[in-house]
PDB file of N, CA and C in Angstrom:
ATOM      1  N   UNK A   1       0.855  -1.173   0.013  1.00  0.00           N
ATOM      2  CA  UNK A   1       0.003  -0.010  -0.001  1.00  0.00           C
ATOM      3  C   UNK A   1       0.893   1.235   0.009  1.00  0.00           C
ATOM      4  N   UNK A   2       0.488   2.267  -0.667  1.00  0.00           N
ATOM      5  CA  UNK A   2       1.255   3.496  -0.793  1.00  0.00           C
ATOM      6  C   UNK A   2       1.411   4.114   0.589  1.00  0.00           C
ATOM      7  N   UNK A   3       2.589   4.713   0.875  1.00  0.00           N
ATOM      8  CA  UNK A   3       2.847   5.298   2.190  1.00  0.00           C
ATOM      9  C   UNK A   3       1.884   6.388   2.563  1.00  0.00           C
ATOM     10  N   UNK A   4       1.494   7.225   1.563  1.00  0.00           N
ATOM     11  CA  UNK A   4       0.549   8.309   1.846  1.00  0.00           C
ATOM     12  C   UNK A   4      -0.833   7.752   2.233  1.00  0.00           C
ATOM     13  N   UNK A   5      -1.252   6.699   1.600  1.00  0.00           N
ATOM     14  CA  UNK A   5      -2.530   6.083   1.912  1.00  0.00           C
ATOM     15  C   UNK A   5      -2.482   5.437   3.303  1.00  0.00           C
ATOM     16  N   UNK A   6      -1.368   4.738   3.566  1.00  0.00           N
ATOM     17  CA  UNK A   6      -1.193   4.153   4.894  1.00  0.00           C
ATOM     18  C   UNK A   6      -1.233   5.190   5.979  1.00  0.00           C
ATOM     19  N   UNK A   7      -0.516   6.276   5.783  1.00  0.00           N
ATOM     20  CA  UNK A   7      -0.491   7.378   6.751  1.00  0.00           C
ATOM     21  C   UNK A   7      -1.900   7.963   6.976  1.00  0.00           C
ATOM     22  N   UNK A   8      -2.622   8.155   5.869  1.00  0.00           N
ATOM     23  CA  UNK A   8      -3.956   8.707   5.984  1.00  0.00           C
ATOM     24  C   UNK A   8      -4.897   7.769   6.761  1.00  0.00           C
ATOM     25  N   UNK A   9      -4.788   6.483   6.493  1.00  0.00           N
ATOM     26  CA  UNK A   9      -5.597   5.496   7.181  1.00  0.00           C
ATOM     27  C   UNK A   9      -5.262   5.488   8.680  1.00  0.00           C
ATOM     28  N   UNK A  10      -3.978   5.556   9.011  1.00  0.00           N
ATOM     29  CA  UNK A  10      -3.591   5.597  10.410  1.00  0.00           C
ATOM     30  C   UNK A  10      -4.114   6.810  11.134  1.00  0.00           C
ATOM     31  N   UNK A  11      -4.114   7.975  10.443  1.00  0.00           N
ATOM     32  CA  UNK A  11      -4.665   9.172  11.057  1.00  0.00           C
ATOM     33  C   UNK A  11      -6.160   9.039  11.281  1.00  0.00           C
ATOM     34  N   UNK A  12      -6.851   8.456  10.328  1.00  0.00           N
ATOM     35  CA  UNK A  12      -8.304   8.255  10.466  1.00  0.00           C
ATOM     36  C   UNK A  12      -8.604   7.297  11.630  1.00  0.00           C
ATOM     37  N   UNK A  13      -7.839   6.222  11.715  1.00  0.00           N
ATOM     38  CA  UNK A  13      -8.031   5.268  12.818  1.00  0.00           C
ATOM     39  C   UNK A  13      -7.817   5.923  14.174  1.00  0.00           C
ATOM     40  N   UNK A  14      -6.787   6.747  14.318  1.00  0.00           N
ATOM     41  CA  UNK A  14      -6.547   7.436  15.572  1.00  0.00           C
ATOM     42  C   UNK A  14      -7.653   8.392  15.879  1.00  0.00           C
ATOM     43  N   UNK A  15      -8.175   9.081  14.879  1.00  0.00           N
ATOM     44  CA  UNK A  15      -9.291  10.007  15.126  1.00  0.00           C
ATOM     45  C   UNK A  15     -10.531   9.254  15.545  1.00  0.00           C
ATOM     46  N   UNK A  16     -10.798   8.108  14.916  1.00  0.00           N
ATOM     47  CA  UNK A  16     -11.939   7.305  15.292  1.00  0.00           C
ATOM     48  C   UNK A  16     -11.805   6.776  16.724  1.00  0.00           C
ATOM     49  N   UNK A  17     -10.564   6.389  17.127  1.00  0.00           N
ATOM     50  CA  UNK A  17     -10.315   5.965  18.507  1.00  0.00           C
ATOM     51  C   UNK A  17     -10.684   7.091  19.457  1.00  0.00           C
ATOM     52  N   UNK A  18     -10.276   8.301  19.120  1.00  0.00           N
ATOM     53  CA  UNK A  18     -10.554   9.467  19.968  1.00  0.00           C
ATOM     54  C   UNK A  18     -12.064   9.690  20.086  1.00  0.00           C
ATOM     55  N   UNK A  19     -12.764   9.573  18.968  1.00  0.00           N
ATOM     56  CA  UNK A  19     -14.228   9.782  18.981  1.00  0.00           C
ATOM     57  C   UNK A  19     -14.892   8.697  19.827  1.00  0.00           C
ATOM     58  N   UNK A  20     -14.479   7.442  19.642  1.00  0.00           N
ATOM     59  CA  UNK A  20     -15.059   6.358  20.434  1.00  0.00           C
ATOM     60  C   UNK A  20     -14.793   6.559  21.907  1.00  0.00           C
ATOM     61  N   UNK A  21     -13.627   6.988  22.271  1.00  0.00           N
ATOM     62  CA  UNK A  21     -13.328   7.252  23.663  1.00  0.00           C
ATOM     63  C   UNK A  21     -14.237   8.353  24.245  1.00  0.00           C
ATOM     64  N   UNK A  22     -14.484   9.377  23.448  1.00  0.00           N
ATOM     65  CA  UNK A  22     -15.389  10.453  23.883  1.00  0.00           C
ATOM     66  C   UNK A  22     -16.802   9.949  24.096  1.00  0.00           C
ATOM     67  N   UNK A  23     -17.249   9.048  23.219  1.00  0.00           N
ATOM     68  CA  UNK A  23     -18.598   8.525  23.305  1.00  0.00           C
ATOM     69  C   UNK A  23     -18.787   7.575  24.465  1.00  0.00           C
ATOM     70  N   UNK A  24     -17.734   6.954  24.931  1.00  0.00           N
ATOM     71  CA  UNK A  24     -17.849   6.004  26.043  1.00  0.00           C
ATOM     72  C   UNK A  24     -18.396   6.690  27.293  1.00  0.00           C
ATOM     73  N   UNK A  25     -18.100   7.957  27.475  1.00  0.00           N
ATOM     74  CA  UNK A  25     -18.612   8.670  28.643  1.00  0.00           C
ATOM     75  C   UNK A  25     -20.140   8.807  28.616  1.00  0.00           C
ATOM     76  N   UNK A  26     -20.730   8.739  27.453  1.00  0.00           N
ATOM     77  CA  UNK A  26     -22.173   8.873  27.308  1.00  0.00           C
ATOM     78  C   UNK A  26     -22.876   7.553  27.454  1.00  0.00           C
ATOM     79  N   UNK A  27     -22.263   6.498  27.046  1.00  0.00           N
ATOM     80  CA  UNK A  27     -22.922   5.188  26.984  1.00  0.00           C
ATOM     81  C   UNK A  27     -23.252   4.702  28.405  1.00  0.00           C
ATOM     82  N   UNK A  28     -24.491   4.352  28.608  1.00  0.00           N
ATOM     83  CA  UNK A  28     -24.929   3.786  29.852  1.00  0.00           C
ATOM     84  C   UNK A  28     -25.085   4.770  30.998  1.00  0.00           C
ATOM     85  N   UNK A  29     -24.862   6.023  30.754  1.00  0.00           N
ATOM     86  CA  UNK A  29     -24.953   7.003  31.832  1.00  0.00           C
ATOM     87  C   UNK A  29     -26.389   7.451  32.073  1.00  0.00           C
ATOM     88  N   UNK A  30     -27.257   7.234  31.070  1.00  0.00           N
ATOM     89  CA  UNK A  30     -28.618   7.670  31.210  1.00  0.00           C
ATOM     90  C   UNK A  30     -28.814   9.121  30.860  1.00  0.00           C
ATOM     91  N   UNK A  31     -27.739   9.863  30.767  1.00  0.00           N
ATOM     92  CA  UNK A  31     -27.788  11.260  30.386  1.00  0.00           C
ATOM     93  C   UNK A  31     -26.693  11.510  29.334  1.00  0.00           C
ATOM     94  N   UNK A  32     -26.874  12.511  28.601  1.00  0.00           N
ATOM     95  CA  UNK A  32     -25.857  12.881  27.606  1.00  0.00           C
ATOM     96  C   UNK A  32     -24.934  13.898  28.264  1.00  0.00           C
ATOM     97  N   UNK A  33     -23.705  13.491  28.505  1.00  0.00           N
ATOM     98  CA  UNK A  33     -22.711  14.393  29.039  1.00  0.00           C
ATOM     99  C   UNK A  33     -21.388  14.136  28.331  1.00  0.00           C
ATOM    100  N   UNK A  34     -20.620  15.160  28.223  1.00  0.00           N
ATOM    101  CA  UNK A  34     -19.341  15.007  27.503  1.00  0.00           C
ATOM    102  C   UNK A  34     -18.265  14.697  28.565  1.00  0.00           C
ATOM    103  N   UNK A  35     -17.441  13.720  28.236  1.00  0.00           N
ATOM    104  CA  UNK A  35     -16.310  13.341  29.081  1.00  0.00           C
ATOM    105  C   UNK A  35     -15.053  13.528  28.264  1.00  0.00           C
ATOM    106  N   UNK A  36     -14.086  14.250  28.818  1.00  0.00           N
ATOM    107  CA  UNK A  36     -12.869  14.456  28.060  1.00  0.00           C
ATOM    108  C   UNK A  36     -12.204  13.147  27.705  1.00  0.00           C
ATOM    109  N   UNK A  37     -11.781  12.984  26.466  1.00  0.00           N
ATOM    110  CA  UNK A  37     -11.168  11.725  26.083  1.00  0.00           C
ATOM    111  C   UNK A  37      -9.765  11.599  26.619  1.00  0.00           C
ATOM    112  N   UNK A  38      -9.327  10.371  26.761  1.00  0.00           N
ATOM    113  CA  UNK A  38      -7.960  10.108  27.222  1.00  0.00           C
ATOM    114  C   UNK A  38      -6.994  10.012  26.043  1.00  0.00           C
ATOM    115  N   UNK A  39      -7.549   9.890  24.846  1.00  0.00           N
ATOM    116  CA  UNK A  39      -6.710   9.776  23.656  1.00  0.00           C
ATOM    117  C   UNK A  39      -6.756  11.167  22.965  1.00  0.00           C
ATOM    118  N   UNK A  40      -5.612  11.714  22.665  1.00  0.00           N
ATOM    119  CA  UNK A  40      -5.527  13.001  22.018  1.00  0.00           C
ATOM    120  C   UNK A  40      -5.178  12.787  20.538  1.00  0.00           C
ATOM    121  N   UNK A  41      -5.904  13.430  19.625  1.00  0.00           N
ATOM    122  CA  UNK A  41      -5.555  13.256  18.205  1.00  0.00           C
ATOM    123  C   UNK A  41      -4.145  13.737  17.961  1.00  0.00           C
ATOM    124  N   UNK A  42      -3.454  13.069  17.092  1.00  0.00           N
ATOM    125  CA  UNK A  42      -2.092  13.440  16.817  1.00  0.00           C
ATOM    126  C   UNK A  42      -2.074  14.481  15.686  1.00  0.00           C
ATOM    127  N   UNK A  43      -0.936  15.160  15.590  1.00  0.00           N
ATOM    128  CA  UNK A  43      -0.750  16.141  14.553  1.00  0.00           C
ATOM    129  C   UNK A  43      -0.388  15.411  13.251  1.00  0.00           C
ATOM    130  N   UNK A  44      -0.700  16.073  12.131  1.00  0.00           N
ATOM    131  CA  UNK A  44      -0.265  15.487  10.855  1.00  0.00           C
ATOM    132  C   UNK A  44       1.254  15.338  10.837  1.00  0.00           C
ATOM    133  N   UNK A  45       1.770  14.397  10.039  1.00  0.00           N
ATOM    134  CA  UNK A  45       3.203  14.196  10.000  1.00  0.00           C
ATOM    135  C   UNK A  45       3.922  15.437   9.526  1.00  0.00           C
ATOM    136  N   UNK A  46       5.167  15.602   9.971  1.00  0.00           N
ATOM    137  CA  UNK A  46       5.969  16.746   9.605  1.00  0.00           C
ATOM    138  C   UNK A  46       6.827  16.369   8.400  1.00  0.00           C
ATOM    139  N   UNK A  47       6.692  17.105   7.307  1.00  0.00           N
ATOM    140  CA  UNK A  47       7.467  16.847   6.088  1.00  0.00           C
ATOM    141  C   UNK A  47       8.935  17.225   6.314  1.00  0.00           C
ATOM    142  N   UNK A  48       9.799  16.574   5.569  1.00  0.00           N
ATOM    143  CA  UNK A  48      11.223  16.791   5.699  1.00  0.00           C
ATOM    144  C   UNK A  48      11.618  18.260   5.419  1.00  0.00           C
ATOM    145  N   UNK A  49      10.907  18.914   4.470  1.00  0.00           N
ATOM    146  CA  UNK A  49      11.242  20.285   4.144  1.00  0.00           C
ATOM    147  C   UNK A  49      10.978  21.205   5.350  1.00  0.00           C
ATOM    148  N   UNK A  50       9.990  20.895   6.144  1.00  0.00           N
ATOM    149  CA  UNK A  50       9.726  21.683   7.360  1.00  0.00           C
ATOM    150  C   UNK A  50      10.836  21.473   8.367  1.00  0.00           C
ATOM    151  N   UNK A  51      11.285  20.233   8.541  1.00  0.00           N
ATOM    152  CA  UNK A  51      12.373  19.923   9.458  1.00  0.00           C
ATOM    153  C   UNK A  51      13.636  20.647   8.986  1.00  0.00           C
ATOM    154  N   UNK A  52      13.899  20.643   7.701  1.00  0.00           N
ATOM    155  CA  UNK A  52      15.068  21.324   7.151  1.00  0.00           C
ATOM    156  C   UNK A  52      15.027  22.819   7.428  1.00  0.00           C
ATOM    157  N   UNK A  53      13.851  23.419   7.283  1.00  0.00           N
ATOM    158  CA  UNK A  53      13.712  24.850   7.569  1.00  0.00           C
ATOM    159  C   UNK A  53      13.969  25.152   9.035  1.00  0.00           C
ATOM    160  N   UNK A  54      13.511  24.309   9.921  1.00  0.00           N
ATOM    161  CA  UNK A  54      13.762  24.490  11.365  1.00  0.00           C
ATOM    162  C   UNK A  54      15.266  24.389  11.646  1.00  0.00           C
ATOM    163  N   UNK A  55      15.891  23.399  11.087  1.00  0.00           N
ATOM    164  CA  UNK A  55      17.352  23.226  11.274  1.00  0.00           C
ATOM    165  C   UNK A  55      18.151  24.397  10.739  1.00  0.00           C
ATOM    166  N   UNK A  56      17.611  25.053   9.711  1.00  0.00           N
ATOM    167  CA  UNK A  56      18.284  26.215   9.121  1.00  0.00           C
ATOM    168  C   UNK A  56      17.958  27.501   9.888  1.00  0.00           C
ATOM    169  N   UNK A  57      17.171  27.388  10.944  1.00  0.00           N
ATOM    170  CA  UNK A  57      16.801  28.558  11.753  1.00  0.00           C
ATOM    171  C   UNK A  57      15.707  29.391  11.161  1.00  0.00           C
ATOM    172  N   UNK A  58      14.981  28.861  10.224  1.00  0.00           N
ATOM    173  CA  UNK A  58      13.895  29.580   9.527  1.00  0.00           C
ATOM    174  C   UNK A  58      12.531  29.167  10.092  1.00  0.00           C
ATOM    175  N   UNK A  59      12.307  29.541  11.343  1.00  0.00           N
ATOM    176  CA  UNK A  59      11.118  29.128  12.064  1.00  0.00           C
ATOM    177  C   UNK A  59       9.851  29.621  11.404  1.00  0.00           C
ATOM    178  N   UNK A  60       9.811  30.885  11.040  1.00  0.00           N
ATOM    179  CA  UNK A  60       8.601  31.435  10.421  1.00  0.00           C
ATOM    180  C   UNK A  60       8.244  30.709   9.124  1.00  0.00           C
ATOM    181  N   UNK A  61       9.253  30.461   8.324  1.00  0.00           N
ATOM    182  CA  UNK A  61       9.022  29.729   7.068  1.00  0.00           C
ATOM    183  C   UNK A  61       8.578  28.312   7.358  1.00  0.00           C
ATOM    184  N   UNK A  62       9.145  27.678   8.380  1.00  0.00           N
ATOM    185  CA  UNK A  62       8.735  26.319   8.732  1.00  0.00           C
ATOM    186  C   UNK A  62       7.274  26.280   9.178  1.00  0.00           C
ATOM    187  N   UNK A  63       6.845  27.267   9.956  1.00  0.00           N
ATOM    188  CA  UNK A  63       5.447  27.327  10.401  1.00  0.00           C
ATOM    189  C   UNK A  63       4.539  27.507   9.187  1.00  0.00           C
ATOM    190  N   UNK A  64       4.886  28.419   8.334  1.00  0.00           N
ATOM    191  CA  UNK A  64       4.100  28.695   7.149  1.00  0.00           C
ATOM    192  C   UNK A  64       3.985  27.456   6.264  1.00  0.00           C
ATOM    193  N   UNK A  65       5.082  26.755   6.081  1.00  0.00           N
ATOM    194  CA  UNK A  65       5.121  25.566   5.231  1.00  0.00           C
ATOM    195  C   UNK A  65       4.272  24.455   5.825  1.00  0.00           C
ATOM    196  N   UNK A  66       4.378  24.285   7.151  1.00  0.00           N
ATOM    197  CA  UNK A  66       3.615  23.250   7.841  1.00  0.00           C
ATOM    198  C   UNK A  66       2.107  23.552   7.714  1.00  0.00           C
ATOM    199  N   UNK A  67       1.735  24.795   7.906  1.00  0.00           N
ATOM    200  CA  UNK A  67       0.319  25.165   7.776  1.00  0.00           C
ATOM    201  C   UNK A  67      -0.183  24.919   6.375  1.00  0.00           C
ATOM    202  N   UNK A  68       0.659  25.293   5.381  1.00  0.00           N
ATOM    203  CA  UNK A  68       0.285  25.135   3.981  1.00  0.00           C
ATOM    204  C   UNK A  68       0.069  23.662   3.632  1.00  0.00           C
ATOM    205  N   UNK A  69       0.928  22.799   4.155  1.00  0.00           N
ATOM    206  CA  UNK A  69       0.861  21.388   3.783  1.00  0.00           C
ATOM    207  C   UNK A  69      -0.148  20.594   4.580  1.00  0.00           C
ATOM    208  N   UNK A  70      -0.567  21.094   5.754  1.00  0.00           N
ATOM    209  CA  UNK A  70      -1.478  20.334   6.600  1.00  0.00           C
ATOM    210  C   UNK A  70      -2.835  20.963   6.820  1.00  0.00           C
ATOM    211  N   UNK A  71      -2.925  22.285   6.678  1.00  0.00           N
ATOM    212  CA  UNK A  71      -4.177  22.988   6.883  1.00  0.00           C
ATOM    213  C   UNK A  71      -4.509  23.282   8.342  1.00  0.00           C
ATOM    214  N   UNK A  72      -3.533  23.076   9.253  1.00  0.00           N
ATOM    215  CA  UNK A  72      -3.799  23.384  10.661  1.00  0.00           C
ATOM    216  C   UNK A  72      -3.682  24.890  10.911  1.00  0.00           C
ATOM    217  N   UNK A  73      -4.185  25.346  12.040  1.00  0.00           N
ATOM    218  CA  UNK A  73      -4.159  26.767  12.356  1.00  0.00           C
ATOM    219  C   UNK A  73      -2.737  27.179  12.811  1.00  0.00           C
ATOM    220  N   UNK A  74      -2.529  28.481  12.954  1.00  0.00           N
ATOM    221  CA  UNK A  74      -1.199  29.036  13.286  1.00  0.00           C
ATOM    222  C   UNK A  74      -0.708  28.492  14.630  1.00  0.00           C
ATOM    223  N   UNK A  75      -1.570  28.510  15.636  1.00  0.00           N
ATOM    224  CA  UNK A  75      -1.120  28.072  16.967  1.00  0.00           C
ATOM    225  C   UNK A  75      -0.689  26.624  16.979  1.00  0.00           C
ATOM    226  N   UNK A  76      -1.429  25.785  16.260  1.00  0.00           N
ATOM    227  CA  UNK A  76      -1.077  24.359  16.202  1.00  0.00           C
ATOM    228  C   UNK A  76       0.255  24.192  15.479  1.00  0.00           C
ATOM    229  N   UNK A  77       0.411  24.861  14.334  1.00  0.00           N
ATOM    230  CA  UNK A  77       1.642  24.794  13.577  1.00  0.00           C
ATOM    231  C   UNK A  77       2.842  25.301  14.374  1.00  0.00           C
ATOM    232  N   UNK A  78       2.631  26.375  15.113  1.00  0.00           N
ATOM    233  CA  UNK A  78       3.704  26.958  15.908  1.00  0.00           C
ATOM    234  C   UNK A  78       4.146  25.942  16.997  1.00  0.00           C
ATOM    235  N   UNK A  79       3.176  25.282  17.611  1.00  0.00           N
ATOM    236  CA  UNK A  79       3.501  24.300  18.653  1.00  0.00           C
ATOM    237  C   UNK A  79       4.249  23.122  18.073  1.00  0.00           C
ATOM    238  N   UNK A  80       3.819  22.642  16.905  1.00  0.00           N
ATOM    239  CA  UNK A  80       4.511  21.511  16.271  1.00  0.00           C
ATOM    240  C   UNK A  80       5.942  21.876  15.932  1.00  0.00           C
ATOM    241  N   UNK A  81       6.102  23.041  15.327  1.00  0.00           N
ATOM    242  CA  UNK A  81       7.446  23.487  14.911  1.00  0.00           C
ATOM    243  C   UNK A  81       8.351  23.697  16.158  1.00  0.00           C
ATOM    244  N   UNK A  82       7.787  24.258  17.221  1.00  0.00           N
ATOM    245  CA  UNK A  82       8.545  24.471  18.438  1.00  0.00           C
ATOM    246  C   UNK A  82       8.999  23.150  19.056  1.00  0.00           C
ATOM    247  N   UNK A  83       8.249  22.097  18.819  1.00  0.00           N
ATOM    248  CA  UNK A  83       8.594  20.787  19.355  1.00  0.00           C
ATOM    249  C   UNK A  83       9.626  20.032  18.541  1.00  0.00           C
ATOM    250  N   UNK A  84      10.026  20.545  17.439  1.00  0.00           N
ATOM    251  CA  UNK A  84      11.024  19.872  16.603  1.00  0.00           C
ATOM    252  C   UNK A  84      12.424  20.069  17.120  1.00  0.00           C
TER     253      UNK A  84
END
């Protein structure tokens, strides 16, 4: 299977796990209440060009590139890049 397809499937499975964990708080309770999930969705994978920009000290460009390639918001991209 193509690596991109495999990665996409893994991201979908993790998201479904997160949704199922959220719904477990509602099941059997008799009331509808939200319970914070214990599984946190993961960030999209970081492309090598973003890593290269960080290593070159080009943080702003790395954030912009990560946002462009993943569609996440600025704060999320900034946190991901800061963690590299």
